[in-house]
Amino acid sequence: MNLLDHSDRFTLVRHSDADAWIETIAAEMAQILNHDIAAEGRARMLLSGGTTPAPVYQALAELDVQWDRVEVSLVDERWLSPQDRDSNAWLVRQSLLNRAEGAHFDPLVRVGKPLPECVHDANLQAQYSQPPSLAVLGMGNDGHTASLFPGSRDLARALESTLPYAALDATGCPGSNQWPLRITLTPHGLRRCRQRLLLLRGKQKLEVLKQALESNNAQLYPILNAIDIDGPTLRIHWCD
């Protein structure tokens, strides 16, 4: 049996090309936001950085959403100023916020504050905000999602945390590149999200996902922590 296309652990949606992938995801995100705006007056979403989701955010900004009723924050962040071009905050601002007039943004890194204080503030913000309408996730070729890197000295602590966000030192983890210090959403934080979308591009990502499912080891493949948690089934959007 194909573990990818026949699973009750997630829903895999395959798209014929990049344009269909972008348009479908953006429309789904807008639908989720508009549903919660209609039901509760506001919506909140958590976004990932990286080049993969950027065109989706650009397309989303053009759709009919009451952006002044939307709060935006991040799934994770490198220990960088939000004004740094390598930060997730900068990417989200350039691809979405500068186009979606009126949307409110809560960065995870506050300039001038130490890392533990930024994590504390992120957890307070999460505690007093409405549950996120959706979280947009990615996955690295090492099987990490958010900043939950396999082999990190802090991984077990982050996975077991009862708070939405945790600090993580990924020193020595190839996937973290030159930015080992991170703030990351934890599985507990993911559990609070009403919908979770995983955006993947390329055949290699499907192979990594298959390896993760076969291993069933959430320490070795942290992406499993986004799949096997309580709540709505993870929706995975893929195209080559």
C-alpha atoms as a PDB file:
ATOM      1  CA  MET A   1       0.000   0.000   0.000  1.00  0.00           C
ATOM      2  CA  ASN A   2       1.215   3.502  -0.851  1.00  0.00           C
ATOM      3  CA  LEU A   3       1.889   5.200   2.479  1.00  0.00           C
ATOM      4  CA  LEU A   4       1.514   8.626   0.910  1.00  0.00           C
ATOM      5  CA  ASP A   5      -1.777   8.341  -0.957  1.00  0.00           C
ATOM      6  CA  HIS A   6      -3.601   5.956   1.382  1.00  0.00           C
ATOM      7  CA  SER A   7      -3.255   7.225   4.927  1.00  0.00           C
ATOM      8  CA  ASP A   8      -5.685   8.277   7.625  1.00  0.00           C
ATOM      9  CA  ARG A   9      -2.865  10.266   9.265  1.00  0.00           C
ATOM     10  CA  PHE A  10      -2.951  13.094   6.688  1.00  0.00           C
ATOM     11  CA  THR A  11      -4.414  14.163   3.364  1.00  0.00           C
ATOM     12  CA  LEU A  12      -2.000  14.489   0.437  1.00  0.00           C
ATOM     13  CA  VAL A  13      -3.125  16.746  -2.402  1.00  0.00           C
ATOM     14  CA  ARG A  14      -1.008  16.435  -5.550  1.00  0.00           C
ATOM     15  CA  HIS A  15      -1.054  19.359  -7.997  1.00  0.00           C
ATOM     16  CA  SER A  16      -0.316  19.210 -11.705  1.00  0.00           C
ATOM     17  CA  ASP A  17       1.911  22.287 -11.780  1.00  0.00           C
ATOM     18  CA  ALA A  18       3.231  25.154  -9.673  1.00  0.00           C
ATOM     19  CA  ASP A  19       0.501  27.600 -10.697  1.00  0.00           C
ATOM     20  CA  ALA A  20      -2.264  25.230  -9.606  1.00  0.00           C
ATOM     21  CA  TRP A  21      -0.368  24.556  -6.358  1.00  0.00           C
ATOM     22  CA  ILE A  22      -0.088  28.273  -5.575  1.00  0.00           C
ATOM     23  CA  GLU A  23      -3.664  29.170  -6.497  1.00  0.00           C
ATOM     24  CA  THR A  24      -5.259  26.256  -4.630  1.00  0.00           C
ATOM     25  CA  ILE A  25      -3.318  26.811  -1.407  1.00  0.00           C
ATOM     26  CA  ALA A  26      -3.925  30.560  -1.413  1.00  0.00           C
ATOM     27  CA  ALA A  27      -7.658  30.003  -1.968  1.00  0.00           C
ATOM     28  CA  GLU A  28      -7.791  27.440   0.854  1.00  0.00           C
ATOM     29  CA  MET A  29      -6.012  29.820   3.223  1.00  0.00           C
ATOM     30  CA  ALA A  30      -8.373  32.654   2.335  1.00  0.00           C
ATOM     31  CA  GLN A  31     -11.380  30.396   2.909  1.00  0.00           C
ATOM     32  CA  ILE A  32     -10.116  29.411   6.373  1.00  0.00           C
ATOM     33  CA  LEU A  33      -9.444  33.033   7.332  1.00  0.00           C
ATOM     34  CA  ASN A  34     -12.801  34.258   6.047  1.00  0.00           C
ATOM     35  CA  HIS A  35     -14.624  31.485   7.901  1.00  0.00           C
ATOM     36  CA  ASP A  36     -13.124  32.520  11.229  1.00  0.00           C
ATOM     37  CA  ILE A  37     -13.609  36.230  10.521  1.00  0.00           C
ATOM     38  CA  ALA A  38     -17.302  35.554   9.879  1.00  0.00           C
ATOM     39  CA  ALA A  39     -17.614  33.352  12.960  1.00  0.00           C
ATOM     40  CA  GLU A  40     -15.483  35.283  15.455  1.00  0.00           C
ATOM     41  CA  GLY A  41     -14.784  38.683  13.966  1.00  0.00           C
ATOM     42  CA  ARG A  42     -11.045  38.010  13.628  1.00  0.00           C
ATOM     43  CA  ALA A  43      -8.589  35.383  12.396  1.00  0.00           C
ATOM     44  CA  ARG A  44      -4.988  34.561  13.256  1.00  0.00           C
ATOM     45  CA  MET A  45      -2.449  32.623  11.216  1.00  0.00           C
ATOM     46  CA  LEU A  46       1.103  31.407  11.751  1.00  0.00           C
ATOM     47  CA  LEU A  47       3.417  31.403   8.747  1.00  0.00           C
ATOM     48  CA  SER A  48       6.717  29.775   7.881  1.00  0.00           C
ATOM     49  CA  GLY A  49       9.564  31.443   6.024  1.00  0.00           C
ATOM     50  CA  GLY A  50      11.538  30.189   3.052  1.00  0.00           C
ATOM     51  CA  THR A  51      11.238  30.551  -0.689  1.00  0.00           C
ATOM     52  CA  THR A  52       8.688  27.729  -1.042  1.00  0.00           C
ATOM     53  CA  PRO A  53       5.661  29.503   0.492  1.00  0.00           C
ATOM     54  CA  ALA A  54       6.526  33.049  -0.675  1.00  0.00           C
ATOM     55  CA  PRO A  55       4.534  32.899  -3.964  1.00  0.00           C
ATOM     56  CA  VAL A  56       1.562  31.484  -2.056  1.00  0.00           C
ATOM     57  CA  TYR A  57       1.630  34.473   0.299  1.00  0.00           C
ATOM     58  CA  GLN A  58       1.812  36.830  -2.675  1.00  0.00           C
ATOM     59  CA  ALA A  59      -1.243  35.199  -4.235  1.00  0.00           C
ATOM     60  CA  LEU A  60      -3.093  35.212  -0.900  1.00  0.00           C
ATOM     61  CA  ALA A  61      -2.573  38.966  -0.526  1.00  0.00           C
ATOM     62  CA  GLU A  62      -4.543  39.515  -3.745  1.00  0.00           C
ATOM     63  CA  LEU A  63      -7.614  37.616  -2.553  1.00  0.00           C
ATOM     64  CA  ASP A  64     -10.719  39.016  -0.910  1.00  0.00           C
ATOM     65  CA  VAL A  65      -9.883  38.944   2.811  1.00  0.00           C
ATOM     66  CA  GLN A  66     -10.614  41.604   5.437  1.00  0.00           C
ATOM     67  CA  TRP A  67      -6.966  42.055   6.274  1.00  0.00           C
ATOM     68  CA  ASP A  68      -7.631  44.554   9.053  1.00  0.00           C
ATOM     69  CA  ARG A  69      -9.242  41.628  10.909  1.00  0.00           C
ATOM     70  CA  VAL A  70      -6.255  39.285  10.471  1.00  0.00           C
ATOM     71  CA  GLU A  71      -3.365  38.789  12.893  1.00  0.00           C
ATOM     72  CA  VAL A  72      -0.195  37.236  11.508  1.00  0.00           C
ATOM     73  CA  SER A  73       2.683  35.662  13.393  1.00  0.00           C
ATOM     74  CA  LEU A  74       5.327  33.039  12.700  1.00  0.00           C
ATOM     75  CA  VAL A  75       5.764  29.306  13.074  1.00  0.00           C
ATOM     76  CA  ASP A  76       9.441  29.874  13.834  1.00  0.00           C
ATOM     77  CA  GLU A  77      12.212  32.407  13.513  1.00  0.00           C
ATOM     78  CA  ARG A  78      15.970  32.622  13.295  1.00  0.00           C
ATOM     79  CA  TRP A  79      17.656  34.658  16.018  1.00  0.00           C
ATOM     80  CA  LEU A  80      17.817  37.680  13.729  1.00  0.00           C
ATOM     81  CA  SER A  81      16.312  41.150  13.711  1.00  0.00           C
ATOM     82  CA  PRO A  82      12.937  41.258  11.904  1.00  0.00           C
ATOM     83  CA  GLN A  83      14.587  43.783   9.563  1.00  0.00           C
ATOM     84  CA  ASP A  84      17.294  41.280   8.557  1.00  0.00           C
ATOM     85  CA  ARG A  85      16.743  39.965   5.024  1.00  0.00           C
ATOM     86  CA  ASP A  86      17.482  36.423   6.223  1.00  0.00           C
ATOM     87  CA  SER A  87      14.718  36.500   8.837  1.00  0.00           C
ATOM     88  CA  ASN A  88      11.351  34.860   8.339  1.00  0.00           C
ATOM     89  CA  ALA A  89       9.742  38.129   9.429  1.00  0.00           C
ATOM     90  CA  TRP A  90      11.342  39.946   6.501  1.00  0.00           C
ATOM     91  CA  LEU A  91      10.119  37.349   3.991  1.00  0.00           C
ATOM     92  CA  VAL A  92       6.570  37.421   5.343  1.00  0.00           C
ATOM     93  CA  ARG A  93       6.561  41.203   5.318  1.00  0.00           C
ATOM     94  CA  GLN A  94       7.793  41.392   1.716  1.00  0.00           C
ATOM     95  CA  SER A  95       5.573  38.652   0.298  1.00  0.00           C
ATOM     96  CA  LEU A  96       2.362  39.263   2.257  1.00  0.00           C
ATOM     97  CA  LEU A  97       2.182  42.131   4.720  1.00  0.00           C
ATOM     98  CA  ASN A  98       3.293  44.880   2.332  1.00  0.00           C
ATOM     99  CA  ARG A  99       0.480  43.778   0.020  1.00  0.00           C
ATOM    100  CA  ALA A 100      -2.246  42.889   2.550  1.00  0.00           C
ATOM    101  CA  GLU A 101      -3.028  46.340   3.863  1.00  0.00           C
ATOM    102  CA  GLY A 102      -4.229  46.447   7.469  1.00  0.00           C
ATOM    103  CA  ALA A 103      -2.999  43.020   8.612  1.00  0.00           C
ATOM    104  CA  HIS A 104      -1.401  43.072  12.073  1.00  0.00           C
ATOM    105  CA  PHE A 105       1.981  41.376  12.518  1.00  0.00           C
ATOM    106  CA  ASP A 106       3.516  39.949  15.715  1.00  0.00           C
ATOM    107  CA  PRO A 107       7.200  39.078  15.142  1.00  0.00           C
ATOM    108  CA  LEU A 108       8.835  36.517  17.401  1.00  0.00           C
ATOM    109  CA  VAL A 109      12.098  38.438  17.804  1.00  0.00           C
ATOM    110  CA  ARG A 110      11.936  41.805  19.550  1.00  0.00           C
ATOM    111  CA  VAL A 111      14.968  44.001  18.928  1.00  0.00           C
ATOM    112  CA  GLY A 112      16.915  44.685  22.121  1.00  0.00           C
ATOM    113  CA  LYS A 113      15.475  41.763  24.073  1.00  0.00           C
ATOM    114  CA  PRO A 114      17.410  38.553  24.869  1.00  0.00           C
ATOM    115  CA  LEU A 115      16.266  35.234  23.429  1.00  0.00           C
ATOM    116  CA  PRO A 116      14.585  33.897  26.622  1.00  0.00           C
ATOM    117  CA  GLU A 117      12.574  37.094  26.962  1.00  0.00           C
ATOM    118  CA  CYS A 118      11.464  36.915  23.323  1.00  0.00           C
ATOM    119  CA  VAL A 119      10.274  33.341  23.875  1.00  0.00           C
ATOM    120  CA  HIS A 120       8.439  34.448  27.026  1.00  0.00           C
ATOM    121  CA  ASP A 121       6.731  37.255  25.096  1.00  0.00           C
ATOM    122  CA  ALA A 122       5.793  34.875  22.265  1.00  0.00           C
ATOM    123  CA  ASN A 123       4.155  32.512  24.747  1.00  0.00           C
ATOM    124  CA  LEU A 124       2.253  35.340  26.399  1.00  0.00           C
ATOM    125  CA  GLN A 125       1.061  36.546  22.998  1.00  0.00           C
ATOM    126  CA  ALA A 126      -0.092  33.043  22.102  1.00  0.00           C
ATOM    127  CA  GLN A 127      -1.815  32.598  25.456  1.00  0.00           C
ATOM    128  CA  TYR A 128      -3.887  35.762  25.163  1.00  0.00           C
ATOM    129  CA  SER A 129      -4.635  35.522  21.431  1.00  0.00           C
ATOM    130  CA  GLN A 130      -7.379  33.442  19.884  1.00  0.00           C
ATOM    131  CA  PRO A 131      -6.291  29.982  18.698  1.00  0.00           C
ATOM    132  CA  PRO A 132      -4.667  30.233  15.257  1.00  0.00           C
ATOM    133  CA  SER A 133      -7.025  29.622  12.376  1.00  0.00           C
ATOM    134  CA  LEU A 134      -4.186  27.938  10.518  1.00  0.00           C
ATOM    135  CA  ALA A 135      -0.472  27.238  10.525  1.00  0.00           C
ATOM    136  CA  VAL A 136       1.559  26.938   7.335  1.00  0.00           C
ATOM    137  CA  LEU A 137       4.446  24.494   7.657  1.00  0.00           C
ATOM    138  CA  GLY A 138       7.381  23.431   5.540  1.00  0.00           C
ATOM    139  CA  MET A 139       9.737  20.464   5.751  1.00  0.00           C
ATOM    140  CA  GLY A 140      13.484  20.265   5.198  1.00  0.00           C
ATOM    141  CA  ASN A 141      15.310  17.427   3.517  1.00  0.00           C
ATOM    142  CA  ASP A 142      16.414  16.347   7.004  1.00  0.00           C
ATOM    143  CA  GLY A 143      12.780  15.888   8.059  1.00  0.00           C
ATOM    144  CA  HIS A 144      12.584  19.000  10.239  1.00  0.00           C
ATOM    145  CA  THR A 145       9.548  21.227  10.413  1.00  0.00           C
ATOM    146  CA  ALA A 146       9.319  24.638  12.077  1.00  0.00           C
ATOM    147  CA  SER A 147      12.755  24.769  13.785  1.00  0.00           C
ATOM    148  CA  LEU A 148      12.493  21.274  15.244  1.00  0.00           C
ATOM    149  CA  PHE A 149      15.802  19.938  13.929  1.00  0.00           C
ATOM    150  CA  PRO A 150      16.767  16.275  14.306  1.00  0.00           C
ATOM    151  CA  GLY A 151      19.888  15.949  16.416  1.00  0.00           C
ATOM    152  CA  SER A 152      19.390  19.241  18.218  1.00  0.00           C
ATOM    153  CA  ARG A 153      20.399  19.227  21.868  1.00  0.00           C
ATOM    154  CA  ASP A 154      17.106  20.943  22.666  1.00  0.00           C
ATOM    155  CA  LEU A 155      14.799  18.820  20.527  1.00  0.00           C
ATOM    156  CA  ALA A 156      13.452  16.539  23.270  1.00  0.00           C
ATOM    157  CA  ARG A 157      12.734  19.506  25.522  1.00  0.00           C
ATOM    158  CA  ALA A 158      10.919  21.361  22.740  1.00  0.00           C
ATOM    159  CA  LEU A 159       8.862  18.303  21.805  1.00  0.00           C
ATOM    160  CA  GLU A 160       7.785  17.793  25.427  1.00  0.00           C
ATOM    161  CA  SER A 161       7.097  21.459  26.177  1.00  0.00           C
ATOM    162  CA  THR A 162       3.650  22.440  27.426  1.00  0.00           C
ATOM    163  CA  LEU A 163       4.097  25.949  26.021  1.00  0.00           C
ATOM    164  CA  PRO A 164       3.408  27.051  22.434  1.00  0.00           C
ATOM    165  CA  TYR A 165       6.963  28.288  21.748  1.00  0.00           C
ATOM    166  CA  ALA A 166      10.463  27.232  22.796  1.00  0.00           C
ATOM    167  CA  ALA A 167      14.035  28.331  22.204  1.00  0.00           C
ATOM    168  CA  LEU A 168      16.175  25.825  20.333  1.00  0.00           C
ATOM    169  CA  ASP A 169      19.911  25.599  19.709  1.00  0.00           C
ATOM    170  CA  ALA A 170      20.513  23.668  16.495  1.00  0.00           C
ATOM    171  CA  THR A 171      24.300  23.951  16.551  1.00  0.00           C
ATOM    172  CA  GLY A 172      25.745  21.125  14.470  1.00  0.00           C
ATOM    173  CA  CYS A 173      22.493  20.456  12.617  1.00  0.00           C
ATOM    174  CA  PRO A 174      23.149  20.933   8.875  1.00  0.00           C
ATOM    175  CA  GLY A 175      19.611  22.093   8.173  1.00  0.00           C
ATOM    176  CA  SER A 176      19.982  25.150  10.391  1.00  0.00           C
ATOM    177  CA  ASN A 177      22.770  26.534   8.191  1.00  0.00           C
ATOM    178  CA  GLN A 178      24.473  29.537   9.818  1.00  0.00           C
ATOM    179  CA  TRP A 179      21.525  30.320  12.114  1.00  0.00           C
ATOM    180  CA  PRO A 180      21.511  27.719  14.915  1.00  0.00           C
ATOM    181  CA  LEU A 181      19.616  29.790  17.495  1.00  0.00           C
ATOM    182  CA  ARG A 182      15.879  29.673  16.898  1.00  0.00           C
ATOM    183  CA  ILE A 183      12.447  30.292  18.345  1.00  0.00           C
ATOM    184  CA  THR A 184      10.077  27.519  17.313  1.00  0.00           C
ATOM    185  CA  LEU A 185       6.490  26.465  17.630  1.00  0.00           C
ATOM    186  CA  THR A 186       6.235  23.276  19.678  1.00  0.00           C
ATOM    187  CA  PRO A 187       3.865  20.337  19.102  1.00  0.00           C
ATOM    188  CA  HIS A 188       1.766  21.826  21.899  1.00  0.00           C
ATOM    189  CA  GLY A 189       1.567  25.073  19.952  1.00  0.00           C
ATOM    190  CA  LEU A 190       0.711  23.229  16.753  1.00  0.00           C
ATOM    191  CA  ARG A 191      -2.062  21.398  18.552  1.00  0.00           C
ATOM    192  CA  ARG A 192      -3.832  24.714  19.171  1.00  0.00           C
ATOM    193  CA  CYS A 193      -4.073  25.459  15.425  1.00  0.00           C
ATOM    194  CA  ARG A 194      -7.448  24.735  13.890  1.00  0.00           C
ATOM    195  CA  GLN A 195      -5.975  23.824  10.500  1.00  0.00           C
ATOM    196  CA  ARG A 196      -2.446  22.802   9.541  1.00  0.00           C
ATOM    197  CA  LEU A 197      -1.082  22.949   5.995  1.00  0.00           C
ATOM    198  CA  LEU A 198       2.243  21.456   4.892  1.00  0.00           C
ATOM    199  CA  LEU A 199       3.616  22.890   1.641  1.00  0.00           C
ATOM    200  CA  LEU A 200       6.049  20.706  -0.310  1.00  0.00           C
ATOM    201  CA  ARG A 201       7.790  21.016  -3.688  1.00  0.00           C
ATOM    202  CA  GLY A 202       9.835  18.371  -5.492  1.00  0.00           C
ATOM    203  CA  LYS A 203      10.115  14.586  -5.550  1.00  0.00           C
ATOM    204  CA  GLN A 204      12.825  14.566  -2.888  1.00  0.00           C
ATOM    205  CA  LYS A 205      10.405  15.986  -0.325  1.00  0.00           C
ATOM    206  CA  LEU A 206       7.966  13.146  -0.992  1.00  0.00           C
ATOM    207  CA  GLU A 207      10.784  10.649  -0.508  1.00  0.00           C
ATOM    208  CA  VAL A 208      11.724  12.243   2.833  1.00  0.00           C
ATOM    209  CA  LEU A 209       8.090  12.130   3.909  1.00  0.00           C
ATOM    210  CA  LYS A 210       7.873   8.456   2.974  1.00  0.00           C
ATOM    211  CA  GLN A 211      11.064   7.707   4.933  1.00  0.00           C
ATOM    212  CA  ALA A 212       9.617   9.530   7.953  1.00  0.00           C
ATOM    213  CA  LEU A 213       6.434   7.456   7.843  1.00  0.00           C
ATOM    214  CA  GLU A 214       8.369   4.217   7.488  1.00  0.00           C
ATOM    215  CA  SER A 215      10.658   5.081  10.406  1.00  0.00           C
ATOM    216  CA  ASN A 216       7.826   6.194  12.716  1.00  0.00           C
ATOM    217  CA  ASN A 217      10.558   7.973  14.713  1.00  0.00           C
ATOM    218  CA  ALA A 218       9.531  11.525  15.639  1.00  0.00           C
ATOM    219  CA  GLN A 219      12.980  12.332  17.028  1.00  0.00           C
ATOM    220  CA  LEU A 220      14.704  11.340  13.795  1.00  0.00           C
ATOM    221  CA  TYR A 221      11.983  12.894  11.618  1.00  0.00           C
ATOM    222  CA  PRO A 222      10.345  15.753  13.550  1.00  0.00           C
ATOM    223  CA  ILE A 223       7.822  16.253  10.743  1.00  0.00           C
ATOM    224  CA  LEU A 224       5.931  13.369  12.345  1.00  0.00           C
ATOM    225  CA  ASN A 225       5.106  15.688  15.237  1.00  0.00           C
ATOM    226  CA  ALA A 226       3.002  17.740  12.834  1.00  0.00           C
ATOM    227  CA  ILE A 227       1.263  14.625  11.535  1.00  0.00           C
ATOM    228  CA  ASP A 228       0.541  12.600  14.651  1.00  0.00           C
ATOM    229  CA  ILE A 229      -0.954  15.191  16.991  1.00  0.00           C
ATOM    230  CA  ASP A 230      -4.532  15.695  18.063  1.00  0.00           C
ATOM    231  CA  GLY A 231      -6.768  17.917  15.992  1.00  0.00           C
ATOM    232  CA  PRO A 232      -7.681  18.217  12.330  1.00  0.00           C
ATOM    233  CA  THR A 233      -5.842  16.005   9.853  1.00  0.00           C
ATOM    234  CA  LEU A 234      -2.756  17.637   8.359  1.00  0.00           C
ATOM    235  CA  ARG A 235      -3.302  18.693   4.752  1.00  0.00           C
ATOM    236  CA  ILE A 236      -0.218  18.297   2.565  1.00  0.00           C
ATOM    237  CA  HIS A 237      -0.041  20.176  -0.738  1.00  0.00           C
ATOM    238  CA  TRP A 238       2.633  18.920  -3.161  1.00  0.00           C
ATOM    239  CA  CYS A 239       3.779  19.592  -6.690  1.00  0.00           C
ATOM    240  CA  ASP A 240       6.998  18.729  -8.489  1.00  0.00           C
END
